């Protein structure tokens, strides 16, 4: 008997999954922090007097936003990595687009290098989360082989 629910393509089902939604949210927040940082730094002349605290605040906000997928998917490393990559991809495309308006933005780091930095960051966090999960599982479950007695 055919199902009553219409068939959705696989990519649409993944797009509505929790890792992709958290990743899109993270990418949007990271992009907002980046755009706000650049606008304030380049279009508010009074912000030059407190450039150090301004930059530290932007980095702290960005770091807090980076933790959204980590906190949500700490026990699911594959979903943590997928969510982080989605968010970082959106940030990388925002960085690429902002380079058209701020011509010297890409002199320090190109968009692909920024993307690879995020992939390494979230990959490393996912690996540490996976190893921690395996260590906890090894400590809670007996790994000794049960042997039958010969008769």
N, C-alpha and C. Protein backbone atom coordinates (compact mmCIF):
# COMPACT_ATOMS: atom_id res chain seq x y z
N UNK A 1 0.85 -1.17 0.00
CA UNK A 1 0.00 0.00 0.00
C UNK A 1 0.90 1.24 0.00
N UNK A 2 0.67 2.14 -0.92
CA UNK A 2 1.51 3.33 -0.98
C UNK A 2 1.29 4.22 0.24
N UNK A 3 2.37 4.88 0.63
CA UNK A 3 2.26 5.76 1.80
C UNK A 3 1.50 7.02 1.43
N UNK A 4 0.83 7.58 2.43
CA UNK A 4 0.02 8.77 2.19
C UNK A 4 0.86 10.04 2.17
N UNK A 5 2.09 9.95 2.72
CA UNK A 5 2.96 11.11 2.72
C UNK A 5 3.67 11.24 1.38
N UNK A 6 3.74 12.45 0.85
CA UNK A 6 4.46 12.61 -0.41
C UNK A 6 5.95 12.39 -0.21
N UNK A 7 6.59 11.89 -1.24
CA UNK A 7 8.03 11.62 -1.18
C UNK A 7 8.79 12.93 -1.30
N UNK A 8 9.69 13.16 -0.33
CA UNK A 8 10.54 14.35 -0.39
C UNK A 8 11.92 13.93 -0.84
N UNK A 9 12.54 14.75 -1.67
CA UNK A 9 13.92 14.41 -2.05
C UNK A 9 14.82 14.38 -0.82
N UNK A 10 15.89 13.62 -0.92
CA UNK A 10 16.78 13.42 0.22
C UNK A 10 17.41 14.72 0.70
N UNK A 11 17.76 15.61 -0.22
CA UNK A 11 18.41 16.87 0.19
C UNK A 11 17.44 17.77 0.92
N UNK A 12 16.15 17.72 0.57
CA UNK A 12 15.16 18.52 1.30
C UNK A 12 14.96 17.97 2.71
N UNK A 13 15.00 16.66 2.84
CA UNK A 13 14.86 16.06 4.16
C UNK A 13 16.06 16.43 5.03
N UNK A 14 17.27 16.44 4.44
CA UNK A 14 18.44 16.81 5.22
C UNK A 14 18.42 18.29 5.58
N UNK A 15 17.93 19.10 4.66
CA UNK A 15 17.89 20.53 4.91
C UNK A 15 16.99 20.89 6.08
N UNK A 16 15.97 20.07 6.32
CA UNK A 16 15.07 20.34 7.44
C UNK A 16 15.48 19.58 8.70
N UNK A 17 16.62 18.90 8.66
CA UNK A 17 17.08 18.18 9.84
C UNK A 17 17.70 19.14 10.85
N UNK A 18 17.84 18.68 12.06
CA UNK A 18 18.35 19.55 13.13
C UNK A 18 19.78 20.01 12.91
N UNK A 19 20.73 19.14 12.47
CA UNK A 19 22.09 19.65 12.25
C UNK A 19 22.15 20.77 11.21
N UNK A 20 21.38 20.65 10.14
CA UNK A 20 21.44 21.70 9.13
C UNK A 20 20.77 22.98 9.62
N UNK A 21 19.69 22.86 10.37
CA UNK A 21 19.02 24.05 10.89
C UNK A 21 19.91 24.78 11.91
N UNK A 22 20.56 24.03 12.79
CA UNK A 22 21.48 24.64 13.75
C UNK A 22 22.66 25.25 13.01
N UNK A 23 23.14 24.59 11.96
CA UNK A 23 24.24 25.12 11.16
C UNK A 23 23.86 26.41 10.45
N UNK A 24 22.66 26.47 9.90
CA UNK A 24 22.19 27.69 9.23
C UNK A 24 22.05 28.82 10.24
N UNK A 25 21.52 28.51 11.41
CA UNK A 25 21.41 29.51 12.47
C UNK A 25 22.79 30.01 12.90
N UNK A 26 23.72 29.10 13.08
CA UNK A 26 25.08 29.48 13.46
C UNK A 26 25.74 30.33 12.39
N UNK A 27 25.58 29.93 11.13
CA UNK A 27 26.15 30.70 10.03
C UNK A 27 25.56 32.09 9.93
N UNK A 28 24.26 32.20 10.16
CA UNK A 28 23.63 33.52 10.12
C UNK A 28 24.14 34.41 11.25
N UNK A 29 24.27 33.84 12.45
CA UNK A 29 24.78 34.62 13.57
C UNK A 29 26.24 35.02 13.37
N UNK A 30 27.05 34.09 12.87
CA UNK A 30 28.45 34.42 12.60
C UNK A 30 28.57 35.50 11.54
N UNK A 31 27.72 35.43 10.53
CA UNK A 31 27.74 36.44 9.47
C UNK A 31 27.32 37.80 10.02
N UNK A 32 26.33 37.82 10.91
CA UNK A 32 25.92 39.08 11.53
C UNK A 32 27.05 39.69 12.37
N UNK A 33 27.75 38.85 13.10
CA UNK A 33 28.88 39.34 13.89
C UNK A 33 29.95 39.92 12.97
N UNK A 34 30.26 39.21 11.88
CA UNK A 34 31.28 39.68 10.94
C UNK A 34 30.87 40.99 10.28
N UNK A 35 29.65 41.07 9.80
CA UNK A 35 29.18 42.29 9.13
C UNK A 35 29.16 43.45 10.13
N UNK A 36 28.66 43.21 11.33
CA UNK A 36 28.65 44.26 12.34
C UNK A 36 30.05 44.74 12.69
N UNK A 37 30.96 43.80 12.81
CA UNK A 37 32.35 44.13 13.12
C UNK A 37 32.95 45.01 12.03
N UNK A 38 32.76 44.63 10.78
CA UNK A 38 33.33 45.40 9.67
C UNK A 38 32.67 46.77 9.53
N UNK A 39 31.37 46.84 9.70
CA UNK A 39 30.68 48.12 9.56
C UNK A 39 31.12 49.08 10.67
N UNK A 40 31.16 48.58 11.89
CA UNK A 40 31.59 49.45 12.99
C UNK A 40 33.04 49.87 12.82
N UNK A 41 33.89 48.95 12.44
CA UNK A 41 35.32 49.27 12.31
C UNK A 41 35.59 50.24 11.16
N UNK A 42 34.81 50.18 10.09
CA UNK A 42 35.11 50.98 8.91
C UNK A 42 34.24 52.22 8.74
N UNK A 43 33.10 52.27 9.40
CA UNK A 43 32.19 53.39 9.16
C UNK A 43 31.86 54.20 10.41
N UNK A 44 32.40 53.83 11.56
CA UNK A 44 32.19 54.60 12.78
C UNK A 44 33.57 55.13 13.20
N UNK A 45 33.88 56.36 12.86
CA UNK A 45 35.23 56.87 13.15
C UNK A 45 35.57 56.88 14.64
N UNK A 46 34.60 57.04 15.50
CA UNK A 46 34.88 57.08 16.93
C UNK A 46 35.32 55.72 17.47
N UNK A 47 35.05 54.65 16.73
CA UNK A 47 35.44 53.33 17.22
C UNK A 47 36.94 53.09 17.12
N UNK A 48 37.66 53.95 16.41
CA UNK A 48 39.11 53.79 16.32
C UNK A 48 39.78 54.01 17.66
N UNK A 49 39.16 54.80 18.52
CA UNK A 49 39.73 55.07 19.84
C UNK A 49 39.72 53.83 20.74
N UNK A 50 38.77 52.96 20.53
CA UNK A 50 38.70 51.74 21.34
C UNK A 50 38.73 50.50 20.44
N UNK A 51 39.70 50.44 19.54
CA UNK A 51 39.82 49.33 18.59
C UNK A 51 40.09 48.00 19.30
N UNK A 52 40.93 48.02 20.32
CA UNK A 52 41.24 46.78 21.03
C UNK A 52 40.01 46.17 21.69
N UNK A 53 39.28 46.92 22.52
CA UNK A 53 38.06 46.35 23.12
C UNK A 53 37.00 46.00 22.08
N UNK A 54 36.90 46.79 21.02
CA UNK A 54 35.94 46.49 19.95
C UNK A 54 36.26 45.14 19.31
N UNK A 55 37.52 44.93 18.98
CA UNK A 55 37.91 43.67 18.36
C UNK A 55 37.77 42.50 19.32
N UNK A 56 38.11 42.71 20.60
CA UNK A 56 37.96 41.64 21.59
C UNK A 56 36.49 41.27 21.78
N UNK A 57 35.62 42.26 21.75
CA UNK A 57 34.19 41.99 21.87
C UNK A 57 33.68 41.19 20.68
N UNK A 58 34.11 41.56 19.49
CA UNK A 58 33.68 40.83 18.29
C UNK A 58 34.19 39.39 18.30
N UNK A 59 35.43 39.19 18.72
CA UNK A 59 35.98 37.84 18.80
C UNK A 59 35.23 37.02 19.86
N UNK A 60 34.92 37.63 20.99
CA UNK A 60 34.19 36.92 22.04
C UNK A 60 32.79 36.53 21.57
N UNK A 61 32.11 37.44 20.88
CA UNK A 61 30.78 37.11 20.33
C UNK A 61 30.88 35.98 19.31
N UNK A 62 31.88 36.06 18.45
CA UNK A 62 32.07 35.00 17.46
C UNK A 62 32.37 33.66 18.11
N UNK A 63 33.18 33.67 19.15
CA UNK A 63 33.51 32.43 19.86
C UNK A 63 32.27 31.84 20.54
N UNK A 64 31.43 32.69 21.10
CA UNK A 64 30.19 32.19 21.71
C UNK A 64 29.27 31.57 20.67
N UNK A 65 29.19 32.21 19.51
CA UNK A 65 28.34 31.66 18.44
C UNK A 65 28.92 30.35 17.92
N UNK A 66 30.23 30.25 17.86
CA UNK A 66 30.87 29.01 17.40
C UNK A 66 30.51 27.82 18.29
N UNK A 67 30.22 28.10 19.54
CA UNK A 67 29.92 27.03 20.48
C UNK A 67 28.51 26.46 20.35
N UNK A 68 27.64 27.10 19.58
CA UNK A 68 26.26 26.62 19.46
C UNK A 68 26.21 25.17 18.98
N UNK A 69 26.85 24.80 17.85
CA UNK A 69 26.80 23.39 17.44
C UNK A 69 27.54 22.47 18.42
N UNK A 70 28.61 22.97 19.02
CA UNK A 70 29.39 22.14 19.94
C UNK A 70 28.54 21.77 21.16
N UNK A 71 27.85 22.75 21.72
CA UNK A 71 27.04 22.48 22.90
C UNK A 71 25.85 21.58 22.55
N UNK A 72 25.24 21.81 21.41
CA UNK A 72 24.06 21.03 21.04
C UNK A 72 24.39 19.58 20.67
N UNK A 73 25.49 19.36 19.95
CA UNK A 73 25.79 18.03 19.42
C UNK A 73 27.06 17.43 20.01
N UNK A 74 27.37 17.71 21.26
CA UNK A 74 28.61 17.24 21.85
C UNK A 74 28.69 15.72 21.88
N UNK A 75 27.58 15.05 22.05
CA UNK A 75 27.58 13.58 22.10
C UNK A 75 27.32 12.94 20.74
N UNK A 76 27.20 13.74 19.72
CA UNK A 76 26.98 13.23 18.36
C UNK A 76 27.98 13.90 17.43
N UNK A 77 29.23 13.39 17.38
CA UNK A 77 30.30 14.10 16.67
C UNK A 77 30.05 14.29 15.17
N UNK A 78 29.42 13.35 14.51
CA UNK A 78 29.17 13.51 13.07
C UNK A 78 28.20 14.67 12.83
N UNK A 79 27.17 14.77 13.66
CA UNK A 79 26.23 15.87 13.51
C UNK A 79 26.86 17.20 13.92
N UNK A 80 27.75 17.17 14.90
CA UNK A 80 28.48 18.36 15.29
C UNK A 80 29.29 18.89 14.11
N UNK A 81 30.01 17.99 13.46
CA UNK A 81 30.83 18.39 12.32
C UNK A 81 29.97 18.91 11.17
N UNK A 82 28.89 18.21 10.86
CA UNK A 82 28.01 18.64 9.77
C UNK A 82 27.40 20.01 10.05
N UNK A 83 26.93 20.20 11.25
CA UNK A 83 26.33 21.48 11.62
C UNK A 83 27.36 22.60 11.59
N UNK A 84 28.54 22.34 12.11
CA UNK A 84 29.60 23.34 12.08
C UNK A 84 30.03 23.70 10.68
N UNK A 85 30.12 22.72 9.80
CA UNK A 85 30.53 22.99 8.42
C UNK A 85 29.47 23.80 7.69
N UNK A 86 28.21 23.53 7.94
CA UNK A 86 27.15 24.32 7.30
C UNK A 86 27.26 25.78 7.74
N UNK A 87 27.41 26.00 9.03
CA UNK A 87 27.54 27.36 9.54
C UNK A 87 28.78 28.05 9.03
N UNK A 88 29.89 27.35 9.02
CA UNK A 88 31.15 27.96 8.57
C UNK A 88 31.13 28.22 7.08
N UNK A 89 30.42 27.40 6.31
CA UNK A 89 30.28 27.65 4.87
C UNK A 89 29.52 28.95 4.64
N UNK A 90 28.45 29.16 5.39
CA UNK A 90 27.72 30.42 5.25
C UNK A 90 28.60 31.61 5.63
N UNK A 91 29.40 31.46 6.68
CA UNK A 91 30.32 32.53 7.06
C UNK A 91 31.34 32.78 5.95
N UNK A 92 31.84 31.72 5.33
CA UNK A 92 32.84 31.87 4.27
C UNK A 92 32.25 32.58 3.05
N UNK A 93 31.01 32.27 2.71
CA UNK A 93 30.38 32.96 1.58
C UNK A 93 30.09 34.41 1.91
N UNK A 94 29.74 34.69 3.16
CA UNK A 94 29.56 36.08 3.58
C UNK A 94 30.88 36.83 3.49
N UNK A 95 31.95 36.20 3.91
CA UNK A 95 33.29 36.79 3.85
C UNK A 95 33.68 37.05 2.40
N UNK A 96 33.35 36.12 1.51
CA UNK A 96 33.62 36.30 0.08
C UNK A 96 32.85 37.49 -0.46
N UNK A 97 31.58 37.61 -0.13
CA UNK A 97 30.75 38.72 -0.62
C UNK A 97 31.23 40.05 -0.04
N UNK A 98 31.64 40.06 1.22
CA UNK A 98 32.12 41.31 1.81
C UNK A 98 33.42 41.78 1.18
N UNK A 99 34.15 40.87 0.60
CA UNK A 99 35.39 41.24 -0.09
C UNK A 99 35.14 42.12 -1.30
N UNK A 100 33.95 42.08 -1.86
CA UNK A 100 33.61 42.95 -2.99
C UNK A 100 33.42 44.40 -2.54
N UNK A 101 33.03 44.58 -1.29
CA UNK A 101 32.81 45.93 -0.76
C UNK A 101 34.03 46.48 -0.03
N UNK A 102 34.73 45.59 0.64
CA UNK A 102 35.95 45.96 1.37
C UNK A 102 37.12 45.30 0.63
N UNK A 103 37.75 46.06 -0.26
CA UNK A 103 38.69 45.50 -1.22
C UNK A 103 39.95 44.92 -0.59
N UNK A 104 40.33 45.38 0.57
CA UNK A 104 41.54 44.87 1.21
C UNK A 104 41.26 43.74 2.20
N UNK A 105 40.02 43.30 2.27
CA UNK A 105 39.64 42.28 3.25
C UNK A 105 40.35 40.95 2.99
N UNK A 106 40.50 40.58 1.75
CA UNK A 106 41.06 39.27 1.40
C UNK A 106 42.58 39.27 1.35
N UNK A 107 43.22 40.38 1.68
CA UNK A 107 44.68 40.41 1.65
C UNK A 107 45.27 39.54 2.76
N UNK A 108 44.64 39.51 3.90
CA UNK A 108 45.15 38.72 5.02
C UNK A 108 44.80 37.24 4.90
N UNK A 109 43.57 36.97 4.55
CA UNK A 109 43.12 35.58 4.43
C UNK A 109 42.05 35.49 3.34
N UNK A 110 42.23 34.55 2.44
CA UNK A 110 41.24 34.36 1.37
C UNK A 110 40.08 33.52 1.88
N UNK A 111 38.93 33.58 1.21
CA UNK A 111 37.75 32.85 1.69
C UNK A 111 37.96 31.35 1.82
N UNK A 112 38.71 30.75 0.89
CA UNK A 112 38.95 29.30 0.99
C UNK A 112 39.79 28.98 2.22
N UNK A 113 40.77 29.81 2.51
CA UNK A 113 41.59 29.60 3.71
C UNK A 113 40.74 29.72 4.96
N UNK A 114 39.82 30.68 4.97
CA UNK A 114 38.90 30.82 6.10
C UNK A 114 38.03 29.58 6.25
N UNK A 115 37.54 29.05 5.13
CA UNK A 115 36.72 27.84 5.17
C UNK A 115 37.52 26.67 5.72
N UNK A 116 38.76 26.52 5.27
CA UNK A 116 39.58 25.41 5.75
C UNK A 116 39.91 25.56 7.24
N UNK A 117 40.08 26.79 7.69
CA UNK A 117 40.30 27.03 9.12
C UNK A 117 39.11 26.53 9.94
N UNK A 118 37.91 26.85 9.49
CA UNK A 118 36.71 26.39 10.19
C UNK A 118 36.53 24.89 10.11
N UNK A 119 36.84 24.30 8.94
CA UNK A 119 36.73 22.85 8.80
C UNK A 119 37.70 22.14 9.74
N UNK A 120 38.91 22.67 9.86
CA UNK A 120 39.88 22.08 10.79
C UNK A 120 39.43 22.26 12.23
N UNK A 121 38.89 23.42 12.53
CA UNK A 121 38.42 23.69 13.89
C UNK A 121 37.30 22.75 14.29
N UNK A 122 36.25 22.69 13.48
CA UNK A 122 35.12 21.82 13.82
C UNK A 122 35.50 20.35 13.69
N UNK A 123 36.39 20.02 12.75
CA UNK A 123 36.87 18.63 12.66
C UNK A 123 37.62 18.21 13.90
N UNK A 124 38.48 19.07 14.40
CA UNK A 124 39.21 18.77 15.62
C UNK A 124 38.30 18.62 16.82
N UNK A 125 37.32 19.50 16.93
CA UNK A 125 36.37 19.41 18.04
C UNK A 125 35.55 18.13 17.93
N UNK A 126 35.15 17.76 16.71
CA UNK A 126 34.37 16.53 16.52
C UNK A 126 35.21 15.30 16.87
N UNK A 127 36.48 15.31 16.52
CA UNK A 127 37.35 14.18 16.86
C UNK A 127 37.52 14.06 18.37
N UNK A 128 37.75 15.18 19.04
CA UNK A 128 37.89 15.16 20.50
C UNK A 128 36.59 14.67 21.14
N UNK A 129 35.45 15.11 20.62
CA UNK A 129 34.16 14.66 21.16
C UNK A 129 33.97 13.16 20.93
N UNK A 130 34.39 12.67 19.77
CA UNK A 130 34.26 11.25 19.46
C UNK A 130 35.16 10.41 20.38
N UNK A 131 36.41 10.85 20.56
CA UNK A 131 37.33 10.12 21.43
C UNK A 131 36.81 10.13 22.87
N UNK A 132 36.29 11.26 23.31
CA UNK A 132 35.74 11.33 24.67
C UNK A 132 34.54 10.40 24.81
N UNK A 133 33.70 10.32 23.79
CA UNK A 133 32.56 9.41 23.81
C UNK A 133 33.03 7.96 23.89
N UNK A 134 34.07 7.62 23.13
CA UNK A 134 34.60 6.26 23.17
C UNK A 134 35.23 5.93 24.53
N UNK A 135 35.92 6.90 25.12
CA UNK A 135 36.51 6.67 26.44
C UNK A 135 35.44 6.46 27.50
N UNK A 136 34.39 7.25 27.44
CA UNK A 136 33.29 7.08 28.40
C UNK A 136 32.62 5.73 28.20
N UNK A 137 32.42 5.34 26.95
CA UNK A 137 31.81 4.04 26.68
C UNK A 137 32.71 2.90 27.15
N UNK A 138 34.01 3.04 26.98
CA UNK A 138 34.93 1.99 27.43
C UNK A 138 34.96 1.90 28.95
N UNK A 139 34.81 3.02 29.64
CA UNK A 139 34.83 2.99 31.10
C UNK A 139 33.53 2.44 31.68
N UNK A 140 32.43 2.61 30.98
CA UNK A 140 31.15 2.17 31.53
C UNK A 140 30.79 0.74 31.13
N UNK A 141 31.37 0.24 30.05
CA UNK A 141 31.06 -1.12 29.59
C UNK A 141 32.29 -1.99 29.76
N UNK A 142 32.05 -3.23 30.11
CA UNK A 142 33.15 -4.16 30.25
C UNK A 142 33.67 -4.53 28.87
N UNK A 143 34.98 -4.44 28.71
CA UNK A 143 35.55 -4.79 27.40
C UNK A 143 36.27 -6.13 27.45
N UNK A 144 36.26 -6.77 28.61
CA UNK A 144 36.87 -8.08 28.73
C UNK A 144 36.01 -9.11 28.01
N UNK A 145 36.67 -10.01 27.32
CA UNK A 145 35.94 -11.04 26.60
C UNK A 145 35.46 -12.09 27.59
N UNK A 146 34.23 -12.48 27.46
CA UNK A 146 33.68 -13.53 28.30
C UNK A 146 34.00 -14.86 27.65
N UNK A 147 34.67 -15.72 28.41
CA UNK A 147 35.07 -17.02 27.85
C UNK A 147 34.24 -18.12 28.49
N UNK A 148 33.91 -19.05 27.66
CA UNK A 148 33.19 -20.21 28.17
C UNK A 148 34.21 -21.18 28.77
N UNK A 149 33.80 -21.84 29.79
CA UNK A 149 34.68 -22.85 30.39
C UNK A 149 34.64 -24.11 29.57
N UNK A 150 35.81 -24.66 29.34
CA UNK A 150 35.79 -25.95 28.60
C UNK A 150 35.27 -27.07 29.51
N UNK A 151 34.52 -27.97 28.97
CA UNK A 151 33.96 -29.09 29.75
C UNK A 151 34.71 -30.34 29.50
